[in-house]
C-alpha atoms as a PDB file:
ATOM      1  CA  MET A   1      25.249 -28.835  -3.558  1.00  0.00           C
ATOM      2  CA  THR A   2      23.619 -28.630  -0.146  1.00  0.00           C
ATOM      3  CA  VAL A   3      21.558 -25.664   0.996  1.00  0.00           C
ATOM      4  CA  ALA A   4      24.302 -24.745   3.470  1.00  0.00           C
ATOM      5  CA  ALA A   5      26.983 -24.856   0.741  1.00  0.00           C
ATOM      6  CA  ALA A   6      24.836 -22.682  -1.537  1.00  0.00           C
ATOM      7  CA  ALA A   7      24.355 -20.175   1.289  1.00  0.00           C
ATOM      8  CA  ARG A   8      28.126 -20.073   1.917  1.00  0.00           C
ATOM      9  CA  ALA A   9      28.783 -19.564  -1.801  1.00  0.00           C
ATOM     10  CA  ALA A  10      26.233 -16.735  -1.935  1.00  0.00           C
ATOM     11  CA  LYS A  11      27.827 -14.992   1.059  1.00  0.00           C
ATOM     12  CA  SER A  12      31.319 -15.321  -0.418  1.00  0.00           C
ATOM     13  CA  GLY A  13      30.295 -14.014  -3.848  1.00  0.00           C
ATOM     14  CA  GLU A  14      30.862 -17.370  -5.535  1.00  0.00           C
ATOM     15  CA  ASP A  15      28.470 -19.306  -7.715  1.00  0.00           C
ATOM     16  CA  ALA A  16      27.629 -22.980  -7.158  1.00  0.00           C
ATOM     17  CA  GLY A  17      30.768 -24.073  -9.020  1.00  0.00           C
ATOM     18  CA  GLY A  18      33.118 -22.014  -6.857  1.00  0.00           C
ATOM     19  CA  LEU A  19      33.532 -19.398  -9.595  1.00  0.00           C
ATOM     20  CA  SER A  20      33.669 -15.776  -8.425  1.00  0.00           C
ATOM     21  CA  GLU A  21      30.649 -13.788  -9.551  1.00  0.00           C
ATOM     22  CA  GLY A  22      32.573 -10.555  -9.382  1.00  0.00           C
ATOM     23  CA  MET A  23      30.225  -7.593  -9.299  1.00  0.00           C
ATOM     24  CA  LEU A  24      27.302  -9.707 -10.566  1.00  0.00           C
ATOM     25  CA  GLY A  25      26.575 -11.051  -7.074  1.00  0.00           C
ATOM     26  CA  GLY A  26      25.724  -7.532  -5.935  1.00  0.00           C
ATOM     27  CA  LEU A  27      23.373  -6.728  -8.806  1.00  0.00           C
ATOM     28  CA  LEU A  28      19.686  -6.971  -8.003  1.00  0.00           C
ATOM     29  CA  GLY A  29      18.749  -7.794 -11.597  1.00  0.00           C
ATOM     30  CA  TYR A  30      21.283 -10.609 -11.729  1.00  0.00           C
ATOM     31  CA  ARG A  31      20.028 -12.139  -8.474  1.00  0.00           C
ATOM     32  CA  LEU A  32      16.393 -11.828  -9.592  1.00  0.00           C
ATOM     33  CA  ARG A  33      17.149 -13.474 -12.925  1.00  0.00           C
ATOM     34  CA  ARG A  34      19.057 -16.344 -11.321  1.00  0.00           C
ATOM     35  CA  ALA A  35      16.182 -16.923  -8.908  1.00  0.00           C
ATOM     36  CA  GLN A  36      13.677 -16.751 -11.784  1.00  0.00           C
ATOM     37  CA  LEU A  37      15.600 -19.379 -13.737  1.00  0.00           C
ATOM     38  CA  LYS A  38      15.512 -21.743 -10.766  1.00  0.00           C
ATOM     39  CA  VAL A  39      11.792 -21.151 -10.224  1.00  0.00           C
ATOM     40  CA  PHE A  40      10.997 -21.654 -13.926  1.00  0.00           C
ATOM     41  CA  GLU A  41      13.060 -24.849 -14.049  1.00  0.00           C
ATOM     42  CA  ASP A  42      10.929 -26.342 -11.271  1.00  0.00           C
ATOM     43  CA  PHE A  43       7.705 -24.958 -12.775  1.00  0.00           C
ATOM     44  CA  LEU A  44       8.399 -26.387 -16.225  1.00  0.00           C
ATOM     45  CA  ALA A  45       9.191 -29.826 -14.815  1.00  0.00           C
ATOM     46  CA  SER A  46       6.104 -29.735 -12.587  1.00  0.00           C
ATOM     47  CA  PHE A  47       3.704 -28.639 -15.328  1.00  0.00           C
ATOM     48  CA  ALA A  48       5.114 -30.746 -18.169  1.00  0.00           C
ATOM     49  CA  PRO A  49       2.434 -33.441 -17.696  1.00  0.00           C
ATOM     50  CA  LEU A  50      -0.259 -30.770 -18.217  1.00  0.00           C
ATOM     51  CA  GLY A  51       1.496 -29.241 -21.215  1.00  0.00           C
ATOM     52  CA  LEU A  52       1.448 -25.770 -19.655  1.00  0.00           C
ATOM     53  CA  LYS A  53       4.119 -23.097 -19.540  1.00  0.00           C
ATOM     54  CA  PRO A  54       4.145 -20.323 -16.908  1.00  0.00           C
ATOM     55  CA  ALA A  55       2.443 -17.717 -19.131  1.00  0.00           C
ATOM     56  CA  GLN A  56      -0.243 -20.206 -20.145  1.00  0.00           C
ATOM     57  CA  PHE A  57      -0.998 -21.144 -16.543  1.00  0.00           C
ATOM     58  CA  SER A  58      -1.142 -17.451 -15.636  1.00  0.00           C
ATOM     59  CA  ALA A  59      -3.514 -16.760 -18.512  1.00  0.00           C
ATOM     60  CA  LEU A  60      -5.835 -19.590 -17.466  1.00  0.00           C
ATOM     61  CA  VAL A  61      -5.850 -18.276 -13.887  1.00  0.00           C
ATOM     62  CA  LEU A  62      -6.723 -14.736 -15.013  1.00  0.00           C
ATOM     63  CA  ILE A  63      -9.386 -15.886 -17.465  1.00  0.00           C
ATOM     64  CA  ALA A  64     -10.998 -17.994 -14.720  1.00  0.00           C
ATOM     65  CA  ALA A  65     -10.849 -15.110 -12.244  1.00  0.00           C
ATOM     66  CA  ASN A  66     -12.168 -12.591 -14.808  1.00  0.00           C
ATOM     67  CA  PRO A  67     -14.647 -14.336 -17.114  1.00  0.00           C
ATOM     68  CA  GLY A  68     -15.873 -12.166 -19.955  1.00  0.00           C
ATOM     69  CA  ARG A  69     -12.871  -9.842 -19.919  1.00  0.00           C
ATOM     70  CA  SER A  70     -11.244  -9.092 -23.248  1.00  0.00           C
ATOM     71  CA  GLN A  71      -8.128 -10.587 -24.797  1.00  0.00           C
ATOM     72  CA  ARG A  72      -6.575  -7.128 -24.661  1.00  0.00           C
ATOM     73  CA  GLU A  73      -7.189  -6.797 -20.918  1.00  0.00           C
ATOM     74  CA  ILE A  74      -5.846 -10.231 -20.024  1.00  0.00           C
ATOM     75  CA  ALA A  75      -2.802  -9.811 -22.265  1.00  0.00           C
ATOM     76  CA  ALA A  76      -2.056  -6.378 -20.794  1.00  0.00           C
ATOM     77  CA  ALA A  77      -2.386  -7.648 -17.230  1.00  0.00           C
ATOM     78  CA  LEU A  78       0.174 -10.357 -17.997  1.00  0.00           C
ATOM     79  CA  GLY A  79       2.479  -8.138 -20.044  1.00  0.00           C
ATOM     80  CA  ILE A  80       2.051 -10.349 -23.113  1.00  0.00           C
ATOM     81  CA  GLN A  81       2.123  -8.719 -26.546  1.00  0.00           C
ATOM     82  CA  ARG A  82      -1.175  -8.947 -28.404  1.00  0.00           C
ATOM     83  CA  PRO A  83       0.039 -11.225 -31.258  1.00  0.00           C
ATOM     84  CA  ASN A  84       1.578 -13.626 -28.750  1.00  0.00           C
ATOM     85  CA  PHE A  85      -1.599 -13.708 -26.707  1.00  0.00           C
ATOM     86  CA  VAL A  86      -3.713 -14.333 -29.809  1.00  0.00           C
ATOM     87  CA  ALA A  87      -1.483 -17.334 -30.593  1.00  0.00           C
ATOM     88  CA  MET A  88      -1.885 -18.541 -27.005  1.00  0.00           C
ATOM     89  CA  MET A  89      -5.663 -18.265 -27.269  1.00  0.00           C
ATOM     90  CA  ASP A  90      -5.550 -20.142 -30.570  1.00  0.00           C
ATOM     91  CA  GLU A  91      -3.731 -22.934 -28.732  1.00  0.00           C
ATOM     92  CA  PHE A  92      -6.238 -22.857 -25.864  1.00  0.00           C
ATOM     93  CA  GLU A  93      -9.092 -23.150 -28.352  1.00  0.00           C
ATOM     94  CA  ARG A  94      -7.337 -25.977 -30.197  1.00  0.00           C
ATOM     95  CA  ARG A  95      -7.024 -27.812 -26.875  1.00  0.00           C
ATOM     96  CA  ALA A  96     -10.630 -26.862 -25.946  1.00  0.00           C
ATOM     97  CA  LEU A  97      -9.448 -25.092 -22.770  1.00  0.00           C
ATOM     98  CA  ALA A  98     -10.902 -21.630 -23.425  1.00  0.00           C
ATOM     99  CA  ARG A  99     -13.168 -19.900 -25.869  1.00  0.00           C
ATOM    100  CA  ARG A 100     -13.562 -16.441 -27.336  1.00  0.00           C
ATOM    101  CA  HIS A 101     -16.895 -14.846 -28.015  1.00  0.00           C
ATOM    102  CA  ARG A 102     -17.982 -11.374 -29.048  1.00  0.00           C
ATOM    103  CA  SER A 103     -18.204  -9.027 -26.113  1.00  0.00           C
ATOM    104  CA  GLN A 104     -21.710  -7.864 -25.223  1.00  0.00           C
ATOM    105  CA  THR A 105     -20.391  -4.391 -24.395  1.00  0.00           C
ATOM    106  CA  ASP A 106     -17.839  -3.918 -27.190  1.00  0.00           C
ATOM    107  CA  ARG A 107     -18.578  -5.853 -30.380  1.00  0.00           C
ATOM    108  CA  ARG A 108     -15.029  -5.156 -31.623  1.00  0.00           C
ATOM    109  CA  SER A 109     -13.434  -7.236 -28.897  1.00  0.00           C
ATOM    110  CA  HIS A 110     -13.520 -10.847 -27.779  1.00  0.00           C
ATOM    111  CA  ALA A 111     -14.548 -11.860 -24.296  1.00  0.00           C
ATOM    112  CA  LEU A 112     -12.809 -14.901 -22.839  1.00  0.00           C
ATOM    113  CA  ALA A 113     -14.030 -17.833 -20.776  1.00  0.00           C
ATOM    114  CA  LEU A 114     -12.681 -21.221 -19.779  1.00  0.00           C
ATOM    115  CA  THR A 115     -14.376 -24.361 -20.992  1.00  0.00           C
ATOM    116  CA  GLU A 116     -15.143 -27.266 -18.655  1.00  0.00           C
ATOM    117  CA  ALA A 117     -11.898 -28.869 -19.824  1.00  0.00           C
ATOM    118  CA  GLY A 118     -10.037 -25.644 -19.060  1.00  0.00           C
ATOM    119  CA  GLU A 119     -11.547 -25.476 -15.582  1.00  0.00           C
ATOM    120  CA  ALA A 120     -10.585 -29.112 -14.954  1.00  0.00           C
ATOM    121  CA  LEU A 121      -7.021 -28.503 -16.137  1.00  0.00           C
ATOM    122  CA  LEU A 122      -6.797 -25.405 -13.958  1.00  0.00           C
ATOM    123  CA  ARG A 123      -7.907 -27.420 -10.907  1.00  0.00           C
ATOM    124  CA  GLN A 124      -5.042 -29.844 -11.595  1.00  0.00           C
ATOM    125  CA  GLY A 125      -2.713 -26.886 -12.085  1.00  0.00           C
ATOM    126  CA  ARG A 126      -3.679 -25.360  -8.750  1.00  0.00           C
ATOM    127  CA  THR A 127      -2.684 -28.568  -6.974  1.00  0.00           C
ATOM    128  CA  ILE A 128       0.619 -28.677  -8.834  1.00  0.00           C
ATOM    129  CA  VAL A 129       1.375 -24.999  -8.261  1.00  0.00           C
ATOM    130  CA  ALA A 130       0.766 -25.377  -4.513  1.00  0.00           C
ATOM    131  CA  ALA A 131       3.457 -28.077  -4.341  1.00  0.00           C
ATOM    132  CA  HIS A 132       5.735 -26.004  -6.596  1.00  0.00           C
ATOM    133  CA  GLU A 133       5.321 -22.941  -4.348  1.00  0.00           C
ATOM    134  CA  ALA A 134       6.078 -25.035  -1.271  1.00  0.00           C
ATOM    135  CA  ARG A 135       9.334 -26.256  -2.843  1.00  0.00           C
ATOM    136  CA  ILE A 136      10.340 -22.746  -3.889  1.00  0.00           C
ATOM    137  CA  ALA A 137       9.606 -21.252  -0.471  1.00  0.00           C
ATOM    138  CA  ALA A 138      11.119 -24.150   1.498  1.00  0.00           C
ATOM    139  CA  ARG A 139      14.265 -22.143   2.291  1.00  0.00           C
ATOM    140  CA  LEU A 140      12.224 -19.292   3.758  1.00  0.00           C
ATOM    141  CA  ASN A 141      10.196 -19.090   6.922  1.00  0.00           C
ATOM    142  CA  GLU A 142       6.767 -17.436   6.765  1.00  0.00           C
ATOM    143  CA  THR A 143       8.109 -14.033   7.811  1.00  0.00           C
ATOM    144  CA  GLU A 144      10.859 -14.137   5.179  1.00  0.00           C
ATOM    145  CA  ARG A 145       8.390 -15.241   2.501  1.00  0.00           C
ATOM    146  CA  ALA A 146       5.994 -12.413   3.377  1.00  0.00           C
ATOM    147  CA  GLU A 147       8.853  -9.903   3.315  1.00  0.00           C
ATOM    148  CA  LEU A 148      10.107 -11.180  -0.038  1.00  0.00           C
ATOM    149  CA  MET A 149       6.598 -10.907  -1.496  1.00  0.00           C
ATOM    150  CA  ARG A 150       6.319  -7.351  -0.126  1.00  0.00           C
ATOM    151  CA  LEU A 151       9.677  -6.353  -1.594  1.00  0.00           C
ATOM    152  CA  LEU A 152       8.959  -7.925  -4.979  1.00  0.00           C
ATOM    153  CA  ALA A 153       5.633  -6.061  -5.108  1.00  0.00           C
ATOM    154  CA  LEU A 154       7.617  -2.820  -4.762  1.00  0.00           C
ATOM    155  CA  LEU A 155       9.532  -3.728  -7.935  1.00  0.00           C
ATOM    156  CA  GLY A 156       6.604  -5.122  -9.910  1.00  0.00           C
ATOM    157  CA  PRO A 157       4.469  -3.504 -12.601  1.00  0.00           C
ATOM    158  CA  ALA A 158       2.056  -1.864 -10.140  1.00  0.00           C
ATOM    159  CA  ALA A 159       4.990  -0.072  -8.512  1.00  0.00           C
ATOM    160  CA  ALA A 160       5.969   1.516 -11.848  1.00  0.00           C
ATOM    161  CA  ASP A 161       2.493   2.971 -12.409  1.00  0.00           C
END
């Protein structure tokens, strides 16, 4: 389906197959979820060669940006439950991408850092994510993209606090 055909279908309340969406087309949650599925589909295909899923890439980005922060802090920032984040860190350690060490300020917690291999993988990921973002935003001009980012920030976790 062309971009123009998809736009016509969206305006008419039809999905890509010509099926009426009924009231779903007017639901914000439905539209967000459909957009998320499309974004994740492209992300997963783009990052398959690196063996990274969206949450894993996000975790690597936050660990790199916040070296020495605890597992609890990184997991909370990403909205990942503690047991799931522990399993993710186990995988990172198995792949030699990140390491845990006792925090200097709180001996009960683990501080996180990327390894050289993790930093190298993240550099590759940044290149891939830039191309991914360009594909996702291709239907928007800069003003529309900025407005969408502003609106999504209003709905995000910080807005609920």
